[in-house]
Protein backbone atom coordinates (compact mmCIF):
# COMPACT_ATOMS: atom_id res chain seq x y z
CA MET A 1 1.30 -25.32 23.55
CA PRO A 2 0.47 -23.26 26.74
CA ARG A 3 0.94 -25.48 29.55
CA GLY A 4 -2.36 -27.22 31.41
CA GLY A 5 -3.04 -29.14 28.56
CA ARG A 6 -6.20 -28.45 26.26
CA GLY A 7 -8.15 -31.20 28.58
CA ASP A 8 -8.39 -28.96 31.84
CA GLY A 9 -10.89 -26.05 31.82
CA ASP A 10 -7.60 -23.77 32.73
CA GLY A 11 -5.89 -24.82 29.22
CA ILE A 12 -8.84 -24.25 27.54
CA CYS A 13 -8.85 -20.70 28.07
CA GLN A 14 -5.46 -19.91 27.93
CA TRP A 15 -5.50 -21.60 24.49
CA LEU A 16 -8.58 -19.82 23.49
CA ALA A 17 -6.84 -16.25 24.96
CA VAL A 18 -3.94 -17.40 22.57
CA PHE A 19 -6.46 -17.83 19.76
CA ALA A 20 -8.32 -14.32 20.23
CA ARG A 21 -5.02 -12.12 21.00
CA ILE A 22 -3.31 -13.41 17.42
CA MET A 23 -6.37 -13.90 15.35
CA LEU A 24 -8.61 -10.90 15.45
CA ASP A 25 -12.35 -10.13 14.28
CA THR A 26 -10.86 -6.77 12.79
CA GLU A 27 -9.83 -6.52 9.12
CA MET A 28 -7.14 -3.90 10.51
CA LYS A 29 -6.10 -2.74 13.81
CA THR A 30 -3.84 0.32 14.91
CA LYS A 31 -2.98 1.42 18.07
CA SER A 32 -2.58 4.48 17.15
CA LYS A 33 -2.73 7.19 13.98
CA GLN A 34 0.13 8.50 12.45
CA PRO A 35 -0.75 12.09 10.64
CA ASP A 36 1.00 10.98 7.28
CA ASP A 37 -1.24 7.76 7.01
CA LEU A 38 -1.64 6.56 3.78
CA ARG A 39 -5.16 8.42 4.02
CA THR A 40 -3.94 11.90 4.82
CA ALA A 41 -1.48 11.59 1.85
CA VAL A 42 -3.75 10.99 -0.86
CA SER A 43 -6.12 13.70 0.62
CA SER A 44 -2.84 16.37 0.83
CA GLN A 45 -2.20 15.16 -2.82
CA ARG A 46 -5.68 16.12 -3.69
CA GLU A 47 -5.84 19.39 -1.87
CA MET A 48 -2.69 20.49 -4.05
CA LEU A 49 -3.97 19.22 -7.30
CA THR A 50 -7.12 21.18 -6.89
CA THR A 51 -5.10 24.25 -5.91
CA LEU A 52 -2.88 23.56 -8.98
CA ILE A 53 -6.07 23.17 -11.59
CA SER A 54 -8.16 24.57 -10.46
CA ARG A 55 -7.38 28.45 -11.03
CA SER A 56 -6.46 27.67 -14.03
CA MET A 57 -10.05 25.73 -14.89
CA ARG A 58 -11.71 29.28 -13.70
CA LYS A 59 -9.88 31.19 -15.94
CA LEU A 60 -10.41 29.11 -18.90
CA SER A 61 -14.39 28.26 -18.12
CA ARG A 62 -14.92 32.15 -18.71
CA ASP A 63 -13.17 32.31 -21.69
CA CYS A 64 -15.62 29.49 -23.14
CA ILE A 65 -18.86 31.68 -22.00
CA ASP A 66 -19.29 33.37 -25.41
CA LEU A 67 -17.72 30.63 -27.26
CA MET A 68 -20.46 27.81 -26.57
CA ASP A 69 -22.27 28.16 -29.84
CA ASP A 70 -18.76 27.92 -31.96
CA ARG A 71 -17.10 24.67 -32.16
CA ASN A 72 -14.29 25.66 -33.79
CA GLY A 73 -13.60 28.92 -31.68
CA LEU A 74 -13.94 26.86 -28.07
CA GLU A 75 -11.41 24.10 -29.60
CA GLU A 76 -8.81 26.91 -30.84
CA ARG A 77 -9.10 27.89 -27.22
CA LEU A 78 -8.22 24.77 -25.52
CA ILE A 79 -5.80 23.85 -28.00
CA THR A 80 -3.92 26.68 -26.37
CA ALA A 81 -4.76 26.30 -23.03
CA LEU A 82 -3.02 23.01 -23.06
CA LYS A 83 0.25 25.09 -23.73
CA ASP A 84 -0.45 26.90 -20.40
CA LYS A 85 2.32 25.73 -17.99
CA GLU A 86 -0.87 25.15 -15.43
CA LEU A 87 -2.49 22.67 -17.82
CA SER A 88 -0.17 20.94 -19.42
CA ASN A 89 0.12 18.10 -17.99
CA CYS A 90 -3.98 17.30 -18.85
CA LYS A 91 -4.42 14.41 -20.96
CA HIS A 92 -8.10 15.63 -22.68
CA LEU A 93 -9.29 18.98 -22.51
CA TYR A 94 -13.18 19.33 -23.64
CA VAL A 95 -16.25 21.22 -23.44
CA LEU A 96 -20.11 19.88 -22.12
CA ASN A 97 -23.48 21.60 -22.70
CA ALA A 98 -25.74 21.75 -19.73
CA ASP A 99 -27.42 18.37 -20.31
CA MET A 100 -23.77 16.97 -20.26
CA VAL A 101 -23.31 15.84 -23.58
CA GLN A 102 -19.76 17.03 -25.36
CA ILE A 103 -19.68 19.93 -27.91
CA VAL A 104 -16.02 19.76 -29.28
CA ALA A 105 -13.73 16.65 -29.87
CA ASN A 106 -11.00 15.50 -28.02
CA VAL A 107 -8.33 18.01 -27.34
CA THR A 108 -5.01 16.59 -26.35
CA ARG A 109 -1.42 17.55 -26.96
CA HIS A 110 -1.36 15.40 -30.28
CA GLY A 111 -4.21 16.85 -31.94
CA LEU A 112 -8.04 16.00 -31.66
CA GLU A 113 -9.97 13.08 -30.93
CA GLN A 114 -12.72 13.40 -33.06
CA GLU A 115 -14.84 10.73 -32.29
CA SER A 116 -15.43 12.03 -28.71
CA PHE A 117 -17.65 14.75 -30.30
CA GLY A 118 -21.32 14.32 -29.15
CA ARG A 119 -20.28 12.13 -26.09
CA ASP A 120 -23.32 11.51 -23.16
CA ARG A 121 -21.10 12.16 -20.25
CA SER A 122 -23.82 12.27 -17.92
CA SER A 123 -23.56 8.55 -16.71
CA ARG A 124 -19.63 9.15 -15.49
CA PRO A 125 -19.06 8.79 -11.80
CA TYR A 126 -17.50 12.22 -11.68
CA MET A 127 -20.45 14.25 -13.42
CA GLN A 128 -22.76 13.14 -10.78
CA ASP A 129 -24.15 15.40 -8.44
CA ILE A 130 -22.27 17.95 -9.38
CA VAL A 131 -24.90 20.65 -9.84
CA GLY A 132 -25.95 23.01 -7.20
CA THR A 133 -23.40 21.23 -5.03
CA THR A 134 -19.98 22.86 -6.65
CA ASN A 135 -18.61 24.64 -9.16
CA PHE A 136 -15.48 22.64 -8.94
CA ARG A 137 -14.86 18.98 -8.14
CA LEU A 138 -11.71 16.96 -8.58
CA SER A 139 -12.84 13.63 -8.70
CA GLU A 140 -11.53 10.55 -7.26
CA ALA A 141 -9.12 8.35 -8.90
CA TYR A 142 -10.77 5.74 -11.74
CA ILE A 143 -9.41 3.17 -14.17
CA SER A 144 -10.22 5.05 -17.40
CA ARG A 145 -12.58 3.19 -20.06
CA ASN A 146 -9.49 2.80 -23.15
CA SER A 147 -6.67 3.46 -21.70
CA LYS A 148 -7.24 1.10 -18.90
CA ARG A 149 -4.93 3.35 -16.57
CA PRO A 150 -5.26 5.24 -12.97
CA SER A 151 -7.42 8.48 -13.74
CA LEU A 152 -8.81 11.86 -12.60
CA THR A 153 -11.05 13.98 -14.06
CA ALA A 154 -11.18 17.69 -13.28
CA ILE A 155 -14.80 19.33 -13.95
CA ARG A 156 -15.85 23.44 -13.79
CA VAL A 157 -19.18 24.42 -13.86
CA ILE A 158 -19.26 27.34 -16.78
CA ARG A 159 -21.85 30.00 -16.11
CA ASP A 160 -23.15 32.39 -18.36
CA TRP A 161 -22.80 36.86 -17.35
CA ASP A 162 -26.11 36.18 -15.68
CA ASN A 163 -24.97 33.29 -13.82
CA ASN A 164 -26.85 30.76 -15.33
CA LEU A 165 -25.41 27.46 -15.94
CA ILE A 166 -24.85 26.75 -19.56
CA GLY A 167 -22.33 23.93 -19.44
CA PHE A 168 -19.22 22.16 -17.85
CA LEU A 169 -15.34 22.34 -18.61
CA GLY A 170 -13.70 18.84 -18.30
CA ALA A 171 -9.69 17.82 -18.52
CA ASP A 172 -8.47 14.23 -17.72
CA TYR A 173 -5.44 13.69 -16.13
CA ASP A 174 -3.28 10.64 -16.97
CA LEU A 175 -1.65 10.02 -13.35
CA ARG A 176 1.70 9.13 -14.69
CA GLU A 177 1.73 12.78 -15.99
CA LEU A 178 0.30 14.40 -13.33
CA PRO A 179 2.91 16.70 -11.38
CA ALA A 180 4.80 15.70 -8.53
CA THR A 181 3.33 17.75 -5.31
CA ARG A 182 4.58 16.17 -2.20
CA ASP A 183 7.85 13.62 -1.49
CA THR A 184 6.97 9.69 -1.57
CA TYR A 185 4.16 7.98 1.04
CA ARG A 186 6.30 7.38 4.01
CA GLU A 187 4.64 3.79 5.70
CA PRO A 188 3.97 4.90 9.27
CA GLN A 189 5.63 2.49 12.12
CA ASP A 190 2.37 1.30 14.15
CA TRP A 191 1.40 -2.07 14.89
CA GLN A 192 -0.91 -3.68 12.76
CA GLN A 193 -3.16 -6.35 12.52
CA MET A 194 -4.58 -8.03 9.68
CA LYS A 195 -7.01 -11.07 9.17
CA GLY A 196 -6.43 -13.53 6.48
CA ASP A 197 -7.90 -16.14 4.58
CA PRO A 198 -11.53 -17.06 6.39
CA SER A 199 -11.35 -20.72 4.85
CA ILE A 200 -7.70 -21.20 6.29
CA ARG A 201 -9.44 -19.75 10.36
CA GLY A 202 -12.08 -22.29 9.73
CA ASN A 203 -10.06 -24.98 9.67
CA LEU A 204 -7.36 -23.81 12.15
CA PHE A 205 -8.75 -27.07 14.80
CA GLY A 206 -8.06 -29.59 11.92
CA GLN A 207 -4.39 -28.69 11.27
CA GLN A 208 -1.25 -29.00 13.30
CA ARG A 209 2.11 -28.13 13.07
CA MET A 210 4.28 -30.42 10.78
CA THR A 211 7.91 -30.11 11.61
CA SER A 212 10.09 -28.80 8.59
CA ILE A 213 14.27 -29.20 7.65
CA VAL A 214 14.68 -25.60 8.68
CA ASP A 215 12.62 -26.70 12.30
CA GLU A 216 15.10 -29.59 12.66
CA ASN A 217 18.12 -27.28 12.04
CA ILE A 218 16.16 -23.87 13.76
CA ASP A 219 19.30 -22.76 15.46
CA ASP A 220 21.83 -23.27 12.85
CA VAL A 221 19.35 -21.51 10.06
CA LEU A 222 18.88 -18.37 12.09
CA ALA A 223 22.90 -17.88 12.88
CA VAL A 224 23.07 -18.09 9.06
CA LEU A 225 20.83 -15.64 8.65
CA SER A 226 21.68 -13.46 11.66
CA GLU A 227 25.64 -13.69 9.85
CA LEU A 228 24.69 -12.19 7.16
CA ILE A 229 22.53 -9.79 8.14
CA SER A 230 25.64 -8.74 10.32
CA PHE A 231 28.24 -8.99 8.28
CA HIS A 232 27.23 -9.37 4.98
CA GLY A 233 25.07 -6.65 3.78
CA VAL A 234 21.65 -8.02 4.08
CA PHE A 235 18.95 -5.46 5.35
CA HIS A 236 15.44 -7.57 4.52
CA THR A 237 14.66 -11.18 4.82
CA LYS A 238 11.28 -13.26 5.48
CA ILE A 239 11.50 -16.98 6.87
CA HIS A 240 9.24 -19.23 5.28
CA PHE A 241 9.52 -22.18 8.52
CA SER A 242 6.75 -24.46 7.23
CA SER A 243 8.49 -24.36 3.51
CA SER A 244 12.20 -24.28 4.23
CA ARG A 245 13.09 -21.38 2.34
CA ALA A 246 13.72 -17.63 3.60
CA THR A 247 14.38 -14.23 0.83
CA ILE A 248 17.02 -11.56 1.08
CA TRP A 249 17.43 -8.49 -0.11
CA MET A 250 20.50 -6.96 -0.20
CA VAL A 251 22.03 -3.42 0.17
CA ASP A 252 24.27 -3.73 -3.00
CA SER A 253 21.81 -4.43 -5.03
CA PRO A 254 18.51 -4.03 -2.98
CA TYR A 255 15.88 -4.41 -6.50
CA ASN A 256 16.24 -8.35 -6.50
CA TYR A 257 15.62 -10.59 -3.95
CA ARG A 258 17.53 -13.98 -3.60
CA LEU A 259 16.18 -16.97 -3.06
CA LEU A 260 17.86 -19.72 -0.10
CA SER A 261 16.53 -23.03 0.15
CA ALA A 262 16.42 -25.36 3.20
CA ASN A 263 20.21 -26.16 1.82
CA ASP A 264 21.60 -23.12 1.75
CA LEU A 265 19.73 -22.06 5.03
CA THR A 266 21.71 -25.67 6.66
CA ASN A 267 25.27 -25.05 5.56
CA PRO A 268 27.08 -22.41 6.86
CA ASP A 269 29.52 -22.15 3.90
CA ILE A 270 26.52 -20.05 2.00
CA CYS A 271 28.20 -16.94 3.69
CA LEU A 272 31.32 -17.32 1.52
CA ALA A 273 29.31 -16.67 -1.53
CA TYR A 274 28.29 -12.91 0.05
CA PRO A 275 31.04 -10.31 0.57
CA HIS A 276 31.71 -8.53 3.69
CA ARG A 277 29.75 -5.68 4.32
CA ASP A 278 29.83 -3.82 7.25
CA TYR A 279 26.32 -2.78 9.43
CA THR A 280 24.56 -0.67 7.63
CA ASP A 281 24.21 3.08 8.78
CA LEU A 282 20.77 3.32 7.34
CA ALA A 283 20.13 0.36 9.74
CA ILE A 284 17.62 1.54 12.58
CA ILE A 285 17.18 -2.28 14.50
CA PRO A 286 20.89 -2.25 16.37
CA GLN A 287 23.28 -4.98 15.11
CA GLU A 288 22.49 -6.68 18.50
CA ALA A 289 19.01 -7.13 18.32
CA ILE A 290 19.13 -9.40 15.88
CA THR A 291 19.51 -12.41 17.65
CA LYS A 292 16.77 -11.75 20.33
CA ILE A 293 14.73 -10.93 17.50
CA PHE A 294 15.28 -14.32 15.72
CA ASP A 295 15.03 -16.12 19.29
CA MET A 296 11.45 -14.94 19.76
CA PHE A 297 10.74 -16.59 16.07
CA LYS A 298 11.76 -19.43 17.58
CA GLN A 299 9.95 -19.33 20.22
CA LEU A 300 6.73 -18.39 18.17
CA ARG A 301 7.14 -21.35 16.08
CA PHE A 302 7.40 -23.92 18.74
CA ALA A 303 4.71 -22.44 21.32
CA ASP A 304 1.95 -24.32 20.10
CA GLU A 305 0.86 -27.64 17.70
CA ASN A 306 -1.73 -25.46 16.42
CA ILE A 307 -1.33 -21.63 16.50
CA TYR A 308 2.26 -21.11 15.84
CA LEU A 309 4.47 -18.87 13.05
CA ARG A 310 4.40 -19.90 9.82
CA SER A 311 6.72 -16.95 8.60
CA GLY A 312 8.58 -13.90 9.60
CA SER A 313 10.54 -11.36 8.23
CA ILE A 314 12.76 -8.41 9.43
CA ASN A 315 14.13 -5.53 7.76
CA ILE A 316 16.21 -3.57 9.62
CA CYS A 317 15.92 -0.16 7.25
CA ASN A 318 12.40 0.83 8.20
CA GLY A 319 12.95 -0.84 11.77
CA MET A 320 9.73 -3.42 11.44
CA VAL A 321 9.10 -6.73 11.68
CA ALA A 322 6.30 -8.84 10.36
CA LEU A 323 4.54 -12.38 11.10
CA ASN A 324 2.25 -14.37 9.98
CA PHE A 325 0.33 -17.12 11.76
CA SER A 326 -0.99 -20.84 11.03
CA CYS A 327 -4.93 -19.26 11.24
CA ASP A 328 -2.89 -16.63 8.56
CA GLY A 329 -3.58 -13.69 10.43
CA SER A 330 -0.49 -11.36 9.97
CA HIS A 331 1.32 -8.26 11.87
CA TYR A 332 3.26 -5.63 11.50
CA ILE A 333 4.76 -4.14 14.49
CA ARG A 334 8.22 -2.10 15.13
CA TRP A 335 11.19 -3.99 16.65
CA ASP A 336 11.36 -2.71 19.91
CA GLU A 337 7.55 -3.09 20.86
CA PHE A 338 8.35 -6.72 19.45
CA LEU A 339 10.76 -7.29 21.94
CA LYS A 340 9.44 -5.68 24.87
CA ASN A 341 5.64 -6.98 24.25
CA GLY A 342 7.58 -10.76 24.72
CA MET A 343 6.35 -13.98 24.79
CA GLU A 344 3.10 -13.30 27.82
CA PHE A 345 1.86 -11.19 25.04
CA TRP A 346 0.81 -13.31 22.79
CA PHE A 347 -0.01 -16.34 24.81
CA GLY A 348 -0.34 -15.05 28.21
CA LYS A 349 1.40 -16.31 31.76
CA VAL A 350 2.29 -19.93 31.21
CA ILE A 351 0.65 -22.01 34.29
């Protein structure tokens, strides 16, 4: 724990400052916002999908105006529409009347789903507040009632030649069948802090760090892991200090993880099980920084008997360090920022 002792005022104040630093009251806090964060990526994807879908649905809705009293005619037109490139990814096409009741079967690439005729869709979320606000809406993603898969629904208002609302054109999409409109989302590298289980935080004062097998052999354990990363193709590892185990991911087999027990971690012979590999060119973290990061892990593990590092991970390819403390608070931080901050960032100046 920070020097000064819990019995004196300065020690208590410093200890409370440590507690406040690591266990935040906010659910997630980031130092800055990247323009390509998750919400922005989702919004951009929706805009692209709207552009792709809305034009075709507008044209199709106009073709439906004179067919609203002709079920067979509507279904034939929708069948033809599914052959168009811009609607070919659609799972269901259908038409509703002005009361939001379905007046055709669901039209699919595999035929008609007759049981959908007459379905009242007025209570569905994508139909709420659409009248008078917009002529086209792409719903938020939802879990479909039947397939139990993430889905989207596009709704286009159908108006007659005098601009009176006479119905709605609907198109359901399975998210897995949507056309790709952008690259894979790129995770930002901002420092993030997240709070964990409230019951663990509430019992923080009643727990103390128990010495684990990894704790007793921490220098050897960290040396083995540093060797595996630097010379044996490990690009990601997570060390569970309290339960004395680690998981590793290899550049040769990135889809599988290996579990290393306490016996493995304390035995340098384990390095013989993994072939020599040059330090990957994909790495963002310099090879010489690995031991420095692990040294910080060691200091955070032993810095306090109540607030201590429970697990830590390092990914040399995305450059991120992850920390989970005894209060169940988690931190995700760039490797260089992690080293730059040093111990004073977490525990303040010792007195």
